[in-house]
Amino acid sequence: MSVGVAAGHPATVAAGVEILREGGTAADAAVAATVASCVAETVMTGLAGGGHAIHWDAQGATAELLDFFVAVPGRGGGPAADMVAVDIPFGSVPVRYLIGAASVGVPGVPAGCDALWRRWGRLPWFRIVEPALRLATHGVAMPPAHADCLAMLSPVLTRHEGAGIYAPRGRTLQTGERLHQPGLVHALEALIHEGPATFYGGSVGEAMLDLLDQRGGALTRADLDAYQVEWHQPDRVGYAGLHVLTRRGLCTVLDTLQRLPGMAGLDPAGRVLAMAEALGGDSRIADTTNVVTTDAAGNACVVTTSLGLGSGDWLPGYDIHLNSMLGEVDLGRPRPGERMGSMMAPTVAVDDNGLVLAAGAAGGSRIRSALVQVLAAILDEGVAPREAVERSRLHRVGDIVHAEPGMADSALEGLEHAGFQVRRWPGRHHYFGGVSVVGRAGAAGDPRRDGAAATLPP
């Protein structure tokens, strides 16, 4: 099994590798990389978001899921202000989203990182946060996919305090320009000295309550005090002679895998048609990122986090963008204190000899289609991780199949003959999700989102 890290940004990968080289566990590396992603990938995620994780314990041959997703606020509070509607240009069609202070849910990322580290970590907490603190101190260059996403999401990301962060020269940051978030230095120092509890009962939590009180948010002190992570057993199915373990939730990866025929025996046109028939979904977007780590002991940790789009509100002095999960209407409408739904699906596949791969995906409603296509290619067809991640993808929305370039004309014509409407995209695009994977045959980050991967000697 490869020892390594795969994630959505080279700086995120470097943080995880640094911790592995120092003797950290897969959980240590995953937490360090996740905190680093909250500096390097703030177009996609942040410390005030939520997420899900899976941890594979090689010694016990067991997997556990960690739910640290956003909870619905409003315990003992009055009505919040109205959410703010924004139109995001998604392809040629504007899509309406709801943001603002009233869309902010109870964050879970700090509590989730703390829980993973306490249960499976080895290195001191301050050492886990150090790579992220260095990134915040020196800034980080914007890769092309992040710059493109920033331009698309500029109505949200340049709202209020965000304009000074993402458009300091009156325009959004371009590829290669440095993203500076000096307030995150103070936030990470608080995270080191006060611990993750700073977001719930400490200085960062107080700043969050103050800001949302001013702007009409629903979050209360009672919500922060009551927040807890939840450990669960993963669901599992047999696939290609292996056991695939993940969460079900809103992302039905396991059910989709079970609907697939044997892909290894199909020609390219047959594989494309079989995949399209097994998939369905919608086209909404969400800021999401994913981290995958494995260590020399055979342990693995996959962490997926998100802000939604983000509310467009930043904590003064901390440069922390708040989540907009209550504005994600597709995630359901639970009561105060309950978890929002999630399409996240951190995944491991195992056989009698242990871990075969660990994987996860970013991309909101495209998480399932992206992850299933990569899993099928690696586990059923025997394709190497890098080739599987780089292979052209499709995503089905009703009877419409969105297709990246590179698929055979015969495959696309076969879809049309089967009654699908095919929309051919002109280039590879972050629309089709971002998959990170570490497996026995190597590791891969998704080029669609400027992802990266690195492996170490076992």
Protein backbone atom coordinates (compact mmCIF):
# COMPACT_ATOMS: atom_id res chain seq x y z
CA MET A 1 0.00 0.00 0.00
CA SER A 2 1.33 3.43 -0.91
CA VAL A 3 2.14 5.84 1.89
CA GLY A 4 1.07 9.27 0.83
CA VAL A 5 -1.23 12.24 0.57
CA ALA A 6 -3.65 13.39 -2.10
CA ALA A 7 -5.59 16.62 -1.86
CA GLY A 8 -6.95 19.66 -3.67
CA HIS A 9 -3.88 21.93 -3.58
CA PRO A 10 -0.10 21.34 -3.60
CA ALA A 11 0.28 23.29 -0.34
CA THR A 12 -2.31 21.07 1.33
CA VAL A 13 -0.42 17.97 0.19
CA ALA A 14 2.88 19.41 1.42
CA ALA A 15 1.41 19.94 4.90
CA GLY A 16 0.33 16.30 5.11
CA VAL A 17 3.65 15.01 3.79
CA GLU A 18 5.55 17.10 6.33
CA ILE A 19 3.64 15.49 9.17
CA LEU A 20 4.03 11.95 7.80
CA ARG A 21 7.79 12.45 7.47
CA GLU A 22 7.94 13.49 11.10
CA GLY A 23 6.34 10.21 12.17
CA GLY A 24 2.74 11.35 12.32
CA THR A 25 -0.12 8.97 11.72
CA ALA A 26 -2.55 9.11 8.82
CA ALA A 27 -4.92 11.03 11.11
CA ASP A 28 -2.19 13.51 12.11
CA ALA A 29 -1.42 14.13 8.44
CA ALA A 30 -5.08 14.39 7.46
CA VAL A 31 -5.81 16.95 10.17
CA ALA A 32 -2.72 18.99 9.32
CA ALA A 33 -3.65 18.93 5.64
CA THR A 34 -7.26 19.82 6.39
CA VAL A 35 -6.24 22.83 8.50
CA ALA A 36 -3.80 23.84 5.75
CA SER A 37 -6.61 23.57 3.19
CA CYS A 38 -8.49 26.16 5.25
CA VAL A 39 -5.68 28.57 4.32
CA ALA A 40 -4.69 27.45 0.84
CA GLU A 41 -8.16 26.54 -0.45
CA THR A 42 -10.47 29.16 1.06
CA VAL A 43 -12.28 29.42 -2.27
CA MET A 44 -13.37 25.83 -1.56
CA THR A 45 -13.50 25.39 2.22
CA GLY A 46 -12.71 26.98 5.58
CA LEU A 47 -12.40 26.63 9.33
CA ALA A 48 -16.06 27.62 9.82
CA GLY A 49 -17.36 24.82 7.59
CA GLY A 50 -18.32 21.24 8.25
CA GLY A 51 -17.42 17.83 6.98
CA HIS A 52 -17.25 14.06 7.17
CA ALA A 53 -14.30 11.70 7.56
CA ILE A 54 -13.53 8.00 7.49
CA HIS A 55 -10.61 6.38 9.32
CA TRP A 56 -9.27 2.90 8.61
CA ASP A 57 -7.43 1.29 11.52
CA ALA A 58 -5.12 -1.34 10.05
CA GLN A 59 -4.39 -3.10 13.34
CA GLY A 60 -8.04 -3.65 14.17
CA ALA A 61 -9.12 -3.95 10.52
CA THR A 62 -12.00 -1.58 11.27
CA ALA A 63 -13.32 1.64 9.80
CA GLU A 64 -15.15 4.46 11.55
CA LEU A 65 -16.99 7.46 10.17
CA LEU A 66 -16.83 10.86 11.82
CA ASP A 67 -19.69 13.30 11.28
CA PHE A 68 -18.61 16.86 11.98
CA PHE A 69 -21.00 18.45 9.53
CA VAL A 70 -22.80 21.73 10.11
CA ALA A 71 -25.70 21.68 12.59
CA VAL A 72 -28.82 23.82 12.35
CA PRO A 73 -28.69 26.81 14.73
CA GLY A 74 -31.52 28.53 16.58
CA ARG A 75 -31.58 26.92 20.04
CA GLY A 76 -33.39 29.45 22.21
CA GLY A 77 -32.95 32.24 19.68
CA GLY A 78 -35.38 34.51 17.85
CA PRO A 79 -35.98 34.60 14.10
CA ALA A 80 -33.04 35.39 11.87
CA ALA A 81 -32.95 37.95 9.10
CA ASP A 82 -33.84 36.91 5.57
CA MET A 83 -31.19 35.18 3.52
CA VAL A 84 -29.70 37.03 0.56
CA ALA A 85 -30.25 35.68 -2.96
CA VAL A 86 -27.32 35.74 -5.38
CA ASP A 87 -27.11 34.48 -8.95
CA ILE A 88 -23.97 32.53 -9.80
CA PRO A 89 -23.10 32.12 -13.49
CA PHE A 90 -22.78 28.37 -13.86
CA GLY A 91 -21.94 27.65 -17.47
CA SER A 92 -24.41 29.68 -19.53
CA VAL A 93 -27.19 29.53 -16.92
CA PRO A 94 -27.32 31.63 -13.72
CA VAL A 95 -28.17 29.56 -10.64
CA ARG A 96 -29.73 31.20 -7.57
CA TYR A 97 -28.24 30.61 -4.11
CA LEU A 98 -29.09 31.91 -0.64
CA ILE A 99 -26.30 33.37 1.49
CA GLY A 100 -25.84 35.98 4.22
CA ALA A 101 -25.72 35.82 8.01
CA ALA A 102 -29.04 33.95 8.21
CA SER A 103 -27.51 31.08 6.18
CA VAL A 104 -24.74 30.36 8.73
CA GLY A 105 -24.91 27.03 10.55
CA VAL A 106 -22.93 25.73 13.53
CA PRO A 107 -19.39 24.99 12.26
CA GLY A 108 -17.89 21.55 12.73
CA VAL A 109 -14.40 21.61 11.17
CA PRO A 110 -12.52 22.58 14.38
CA ALA A 111 -14.36 19.96 16.44
CA GLY A 112 -13.84 17.32 13.75
CA CYS A 113 -10.12 17.97 13.48
CA ASP A 114 -9.83 17.80 17.25
CA ALA A 115 -11.72 14.50 17.42
CA LEU A 116 -9.64 12.82 14.71
CA TRP A 117 -6.38 13.98 16.28
CA ARG A 118 -7.36 12.94 19.83
CA ARG A 119 -8.48 9.49 18.75
CA TRP A 120 -5.83 8.56 16.21
CA GLY A 121 -3.09 11.19 16.36
CA ARG A 122 0.39 11.00 17.82
CA LEU A 123 2.15 14.37 17.36
CA PRO A 124 1.49 17.44 19.55
CA TRP A 125 -1.42 19.68 18.52
CA PHE A 126 0.73 22.75 17.90
CA ARG A 127 2.82 20.72 15.43
CA ILE A 128 -0.30 19.74 13.52
CA VAL A 129 -1.30 23.40 13.03
CA GLU A 130 2.19 24.73 12.21
CA PRO A 131 2.14 24.07 8.43
CA ALA A 132 -1.12 26.02 8.10
CA LEU A 133 0.26 28.84 10.21
CA ARG A 134 3.26 29.18 7.90
CA LEU A 135 0.95 29.36 4.88
CA ALA A 136 -1.12 32.06 6.53
CA THR A 137 1.99 34.02 7.44
CA HIS A 138 3.49 34.01 3.95
CA GLY A 139 0.42 33.72 1.73
CA VAL A 140 -0.21 31.14 -0.97
CA ALA A 141 -0.31 31.37 -4.76
CA MET A 142 -3.65 30.97 -6.53
CA PRO A 143 -3.64 27.98 -8.92
CA PRO A 144 -5.62 28.26 -12.18
CA ALA A 145 -8.71 26.28 -11.16
CA HIS A 146 -9.03 28.23 -7.91
CA ALA A 147 -8.69 31.54 -9.74
CA ASP A 148 -11.40 30.46 -12.18
CA CYS A 149 -13.66 29.38 -9.33
CA LEU A 150 -13.03 32.68 -7.55
CA ALA A 151 -14.09 34.61 -10.64
CA MET A 152 -17.28 32.56 -10.87
CA LEU A 153 -18.08 32.98 -7.17
CA SER A 154 -17.05 36.63 -6.94
CA PRO A 155 -20.59 37.81 -6.01
CA VAL A 156 -20.12 35.87 -2.77
CA LEU A 157 -16.38 35.95 -2.18
CA THR A 158 -15.99 39.70 -2.72
CA ARG A 159 -18.97 40.58 -0.52
CA HIS A 160 -18.32 42.61 2.63
CA GLU A 161 -14.78 41.95 3.95
CA GLY A 162 -14.04 39.48 1.16
CA ALA A 163 -13.33 42.25 -1.33
CA GLY A 164 -10.11 43.17 0.46
CA ILE A 165 -8.99 39.53 0.50
CA TYR A 166 -9.91 38.30 -2.97
CA ALA A 167 -9.96 41.55 -4.97
CA PRO A 168 -7.34 43.78 -3.32
CA ARG A 169 -6.62 45.61 -6.60
CA GLY A 170 -10.23 46.07 -7.60
CA ARG A 171 -10.38 42.75 -9.49
CA THR A 172 -10.33 39.15 -8.38
CA LEU A 173 -6.95 37.50 -7.90
CA GLN A 174 -5.51 35.90 -11.01
CA THR A 175 -3.55 32.68 -11.48
CA GLY A 176 -0.18 32.88 -9.71
CA GLU A 177 -1.07 35.93 -7.61
CA ARG A 178 -0.67 35.51 -3.89
CA LEU A 179 -3.65 35.13 -1.59
CA HIS A 180 -2.99 36.93 1.69
CA GLN A 181 -5.26 36.39 4.69
CA PRO A 182 -3.40 37.96 7.63
CA GLY A 183 -6.30 37.47 10.00
CA LEU A 184 -5.92 33.71 9.63
CA VAL A 185 -2.60 34.02 11.45
CA HIS A 186 -4.52 35.22 14.52
CA ALA A 187 -7.15 32.51 14.03
CA LEU A 188 -4.54 29.75 13.86
CA GLU A 189 -2.67 31.14 16.85
CA ALA A 190 -5.95 30.98 18.76
CA LEU A 191 -6.43 27.43 17.47
CA ILE A 192 -3.01 26.49 18.87
CA HIS A 193 -3.23 28.26 22.22
CA GLU A 194 -6.92 27.83 23.03
CA GLY A 195 -7.40 24.62 21.08
CA PRO A 196 -10.35 23.93 18.79
CA ALA A 197 -12.63 25.00 21.65
CA THR A 198 -11.83 28.59 20.65
CA PHE A 199 -14.55 28.23 18.01
CA TYR A 200 -17.16 27.19 20.55
CA GLY A 201 -16.40 28.83 23.88
CA GLY A 202 -13.34 30.99 23.19
CA SER A 203 -12.31 34.13 21.37
CA VAL A 204 -13.20 33.02 17.84
CA GLY A 205 -16.62 31.82 18.96
CA GLU A 206 -17.31 35.16 20.65
CA ALA A 207 -16.34 37.02 17.48
CA MET A 208 -18.69 34.81 15.48
CA LEU A 209 -21.61 35.45 17.83
CA ASP A 210 -20.95 39.20 17.81
CA LEU A 211 -20.87 39.43 14.02
CA LEU A 212 -23.96 37.32 13.47
CA ASP A 213 -25.87 39.23 16.13
CA GLN A 214 -25.13 42.43 14.21
CA ARG A 215 -26.10 40.95 10.83
CA GLY A 216 -29.15 38.92 11.78
CA GLY A 217 -27.83 35.38 12.05
CA ALA A 218 -29.63 32.57 13.88
CA LEU A 219 -26.53 31.17 15.66
CA THR A 220 -26.65 31.38 19.48
CA ARG A 221 -24.37 30.63 22.39
CA ALA A 222 -26.52 27.58 23.12
CA ASP A 223 -25.82 26.25 19.61
CA LEU A 224 -22.05 26.49 20.07
CA ASP A 225 -22.19 24.96 23.56
CA ALA A 226 -24.24 22.00 22.36
CA TYR A 227 -22.25 21.08 19.24
CA GLN A 228 -20.69 17.60 19.29
CA VAL A 229 -19.14 15.34 16.68
CA GLU A 230 -20.72 11.96 16.02
CA TRP A 231 -18.94 8.64 15.38
CA HIS A 232 -20.70 6.03 13.22
CA GLN A 233 -20.08 2.70 11.58
CA PRO A 234 -19.80 2.94 7.79
CA ASP A 235 -22.09 1.18 5.38
CA ARG A 236 -20.42 -1.37 3.11
CA VAL A 237 -21.08 -3.25 -0.10
CA GLY A 238 -19.21 -5.88 -2.03
CA TYR A 239 -17.76 -4.60 -5.30
CA ALA A 240 -15.25 -6.19 -7.69
CA GLY A 241 -14.35 -8.77 -5.07
CA LEU A 242 -13.64 -6.10 -2.43
CA HIS A 243 -15.47 -4.37 0.40
CA VAL A 244 -16.20 -0.68 -0.20
CA LEU A 245 -17.02 1.32 2.94
CA THR A 246 -18.47 4.82 3.11
CA ARG A 247 -21.50 6.75 4.31
CA ARG A 248 -24.82 6.78 2.51
CA GLY A 249 -26.53 10.07 3.37
CA LEU A 250 -27.51 12.07 0.29
CA CYS A 251 -24.63 10.67 -1.77
CA THR A 252 -25.58 7.17 -2.89
CA VAL A 253 -22.14 5.94 -3.97
CA LEU A 254 -22.72 2.42 -2.66
CA ASP A 255 -26.09 2.01 -4.36
CA THR A 256 -24.65 3.27 -7.64
CA LEU A 257 -21.72 0.85 -7.50
CA GLN A 258 -24.15 -2.02 -6.99
CA ARG A 259 -26.08 -1.00 -10.12
CA LEU A 260 -23.00 -1.12 -12.33
CA PRO A 261 -22.29 -4.18 -14.44
CA GLY A 262 -18.77 -5.55 -14.64
CA MET A 263 -16.94 -2.67 -16.31
CA ALA A 264 -13.74 -4.56 -17.13
CA GLY A 265 -15.47 -6.62 -19.80
CA LEU A 266 -17.04 -3.68 -21.64
CA ASP A 267 -15.66 -1.64 -24.50
CA PRO A 268 -15.34 2.16 -24.01
CA ALA A 269 -18.80 2.85 -25.48
CA GLY A 270 -20.34 0.18 -23.27
CA ARG A 271 -18.68 1.57 -20.15
CA VAL A 272 -19.92 5.09 -20.87
CA LEU A 273 -23.49 3.92 -21.44
CA ALA A 274 -23.48 1.71 -18.35
CA MET A 275 -22.18 4.59 -16.24
CA ALA A 276 -24.76 7.04 -17.59
CA GLU A 277 -27.57 4.59 -16.92
CA ALA A 278 -26.41 4.11 -13.31
CA LEU A 279 -26.01 7.80 -12.55
CA GLY A 280 -28.35 10.73 -12.08
CA GLY A 281 -28.13 14.06 -10.25
CA ASP A 282 -28.35 17.81 -10.50
CA SER A 283 -26.01 20.68 -11.32
CA ARG A 284 -25.78 22.73 -8.14
CA ILE A 285 -22.32 23.68 -6.95
CA ALA A 286 -20.77 23.95 -3.52
CA ASP A 287 -17.31 24.82 -2.27
CA THR A 288 -15.80 21.51 -1.19
CA THR A 289 -12.37 19.94 -0.85
CA ASN A 290 -10.98 16.57 0.10
CA VAL A 291 -7.85 15.16 1.78
CA VAL A 292 -6.66 11.53 1.68
CA THR A 293 -3.72 10.23 3.75
CA THR A 294 -2.19 6.81 4.40
CA ASP A 295 0.69 5.91 6.71
CA ALA A 296 3.34 3.20 6.97
CA ALA A 297 1.22 1.17 9.39
CA GLY A 298 -1.51 0.78 6.77
CA ASN A 299 -3.91 3.26 8.34
CA ALA A 300 -5.89 5.70 6.20
CA CYS A 301 -7.87 8.87 6.81
CA VAL A 302 -10.14 10.65 4.34
CA VAL A 303 -11.56 14.08 5.22
CA THR A 304 -14.05 16.06 3.13
CA THR A 305 -14.99 19.61 4.15
CA SER A 306 -17.12 22.45 2.82
CA LEU A 307 -18.50 25.94 3.45
CA GLY A 308 -21.34 25.59 0.95
CA LEU A 309 -20.68 28.69 -1.11
CA GLY A 310 -19.90 30.66 2.05
CA SER A 311 -22.18 33.29 3.52
CA GLY A 312 -20.17 36.30 2.34
CA ASP A 313 -19.38 37.22 5.98
CA TRP A 314 -15.85 37.16 7.45
CA LEU A 315 -14.93 37.38 11.12
CA PRO A 316 -13.23 40.73 11.78
CA GLY A 317 -9.58 40.25 12.71
CA TYR A 318 -9.62 36.56 11.80
CA ASP A 319 -10.41 36.48 8.04
CA ILE A 320 -12.59 33.41 8.59
CA HIS A 321 -15.35 33.02 6.02
CA LEU A 322 -18.58 31.69 7.54
CA ASN A 323 -20.54 28.85 5.98
CA SER A 324 -23.84 29.16 4.09
CA MET A 325 -25.19 25.67 4.70
CA LEU A 326 -28.68 26.81 5.70
CA GLY A 327 -28.96 28.29 2.22
CA GLU A 328 -28.31 24.89 0.60
CA VAL A 329 -31.96 23.94 0.18
CA ASP A 330 -31.05 20.54 -1.31
CA LEU A 331 -29.61 19.47 2.06
CA GLY A 332 -33.00 19.40 3.80
CA ARG A 333 -34.58 21.46 6.55
CA PRO A 334 -33.87 19.77 9.90
CA ARG A 335 -34.72 21.34 13.25
CA PRO A 336 -32.32 23.36 15.46
CA GLY A 337 -29.58 21.13 16.80
CA GLU A 338 -29.93 18.53 14.04
CA ARG A 339 -27.39 17.90 11.30
CA MET A 340 -27.78 19.18 7.78
CA GLY A 341 -27.74 16.50 5.10
CA SER A 342 -24.58 16.00 3.06
CA MET A 343 -23.47 14.49 -0.23
CA MET A 344 -19.95 13.83 1.08
CA ALA A 345 -18.67 10.26 0.79
CA PRO A 346 -15.18 9.63 2.23
CA THR A 347 -14.43 6.05 1.19
CA VAL A 348 -12.09 3.13 1.75
CA ALA A 349 -11.90 -0.19 -0.09
CA VAL A 350 -10.38 -3.24 1.60
CA ASP A 351 -9.71 -6.92 0.98
CA ASP A 352 -8.47 -9.77 3.15
CA ASN A 353 -4.98 -8.24 3.18
CA GLY A 354 -6.13 -4.82 4.36
CA LEU A 355 -6.45 -1.45 2.71
CA VAL A 356 -6.68 -1.33 -1.10
CA LEU A 357 -7.41 2.38 -1.50
CA ALA A 358 -8.71 5.45 0.28
CA ALA A 359 -10.57 8.09 -1.69
CA GLY A 360 -12.91 11.03 -1.52
CA ALA A 361 -14.30 13.70 -3.76
CA ALA A 362 -15.32 17.33 -3.84
CA GLY A 363 -18.02 18.80 -6.02
CA GLY A 364 -21.41 18.93 -4.32
CA SER A 365 -23.91 17.03 -6.45
CA ARG A 366 -21.08 15.72 -8.65
CA ILE A 367 -19.33 13.92 -5.79
CA ARG A 368 -21.11 10.66 -6.56
CA SER A 369 -20.54 10.66 -10.32
CA ALA A 370 -16.87 11.64 -9.98
CA LEU A 371 -16.12 9.15 -7.21
CA VAL A 372 -18.00 6.23 -8.76
CA GLN A 373 -16.21 6.64 -12.09
CA VAL A 374 -12.80 6.66 -10.42
CA LEU A 375 -13.61 3.76 -8.10
CA ALA A 376 -14.93 1.66 -10.96
CA ALA A 377 -11.85 2.34 -13.06
CA ILE A 378 -9.41 1.40 -10.28
CA LEU A 379 -11.23 -1.43 -8.53
CA ASP A 380 -12.95 -3.14 -11.45
CA GLU A 381 -10.85 -2.28 -14.51
CA GLY A 382 -7.47 -2.25 -12.76
CA VAL A 383 -6.58 1.27 -13.96
CA ALA A 384 -3.82 3.10 -12.04
CA PRO A 385 -5.03 5.94 -9.77
CA ARG A 386 -3.55 8.76 -11.82
CA GLU A 387 -5.01 7.47 -15.09
CA ALA A 388 -8.37 6.87 -13.41
CA VAL A 389 -8.55 10.40 -12.01
CA GLU A 390 -7.47 11.99 -15.30
CA ARG A 391 -9.86 9.94 -17.44
CA SER A 392 -12.65 11.98 -19.09
CA ARG A 393 -15.83 12.09 -16.99
CA LEU A 394 -19.54 12.40 -17.46
CA HIS A 395 -22.28 13.68 -15.19
CA ARG A 396 -25.96 12.96 -15.71
CA VAL A 397 -28.74 15.44 -14.91
CA GLY A 398 -32.05 13.82 -15.77
CA ASP A 399 -31.81 12.81 -19.42
CA ILE A 400 -28.90 15.18 -20.07
CA VAL A 401 -25.36 13.80 -19.94
CA HIS A 402 -22.58 16.34 -19.54
CA ALA A 403 -19.38 14.95 -21.08
CA GLU A 404 -15.78 16.07 -20.92
CA PRO A 405 -13.68 15.99 -24.09
CA GLY A 406 -11.73 12.83 -24.71
CA MET A 407 -14.62 10.37 -24.80
CA ALA A 408 -14.90 8.40 -28.03
CA ASP A 409 -17.42 9.75 -30.53
CA SER A 410 -18.90 6.26 -30.71
CA ALA A 411 -19.56 6.35 -26.95
CA LEU A 412 -21.33 9.71 -27.11
CA GLU A 413 -23.30 8.64 -30.17
CA GLY A 414 -24.31 5.52 -28.24
CA LEU A 415 -25.67 7.73 -25.45
CA GLU A 416 -27.70 9.73 -27.94
CA HIS A 417 -29.01 6.54 -29.54
CA ALA A 418 -30.12 5.40 -26.06
CA GLY A 419 -32.20 8.57 -25.67
CA PHE A 420 -29.81 10.83 -23.77
CA GLN A 421 -29.10 14.43 -24.72
CA VAL A 422 -25.33 14.88 -24.71
CA ARG A 423 -23.73 18.22 -23.85
CA ARG A 424 -20.11 18.19 -24.95
CA TRP A 425 -17.91 20.45 -22.83
CA PRO A 426 -15.02 22.19 -24.63
CA GLY A 427 -12.42 21.38 -21.97
CA ARG A 428 -11.75 19.64 -18.68
CA HIS A 429 -13.57 21.56 -15.94
CA HIS A 430 -13.93 21.66 -12.14
CA TYR A 431 -17.68 21.13 -12.71
CA PHE A 432 -16.90 17.40 -12.93
CA GLY A 433 -15.68 17.23 -9.33
CA GLY A 434 -12.32 16.74 -7.70
CA VAL A 435 -11.22 13.25 -6.64
CA SER A 436 -8.29 12.47 -4.34
CA VAL A 437 -7.07 8.89 -4.00
CA VAL A 438 -4.22 6.92 -2.47
CA GLY A 439 -4.07 3.22 -3.36
CA ARG A 440 -1.77 0.26 -3.73
CA ALA A 441 -0.76 1.44 -7.21
CA GLY A 442 -0.03 5.05 -6.25
CA ALA A 443 -1.80 8.31 -5.51
CA ALA A 444 -3.52 11.05 -7.49
CA GLY A 445 -5.00 14.50 -6.99
CA ASP A 446 -7.49 15.88 -9.46
CA PRO A 447 -6.10 18.24 -12.13
CA ARG A 448 -9.58 19.73 -12.59
CA ARG A 449 -9.11 21.53 -9.28
CA ASP A 450 -5.32 21.77 -9.33
CA GLY A 451 -5.10 18.84 -6.96
CA ALA A 452 -1.81 17.14 -6.15
CA ALA A 453 -0.47 13.95 -4.63
CA ALA A 454 2.77 12.62 -3.17
CA THR A 455 3.92 9.20 -2.02
CA LEU A 456 6.66 8.35 0.47
CA PRO A 457 8.81 5.27 0.98
CA PRO A 458 6.95 2.87 3.31
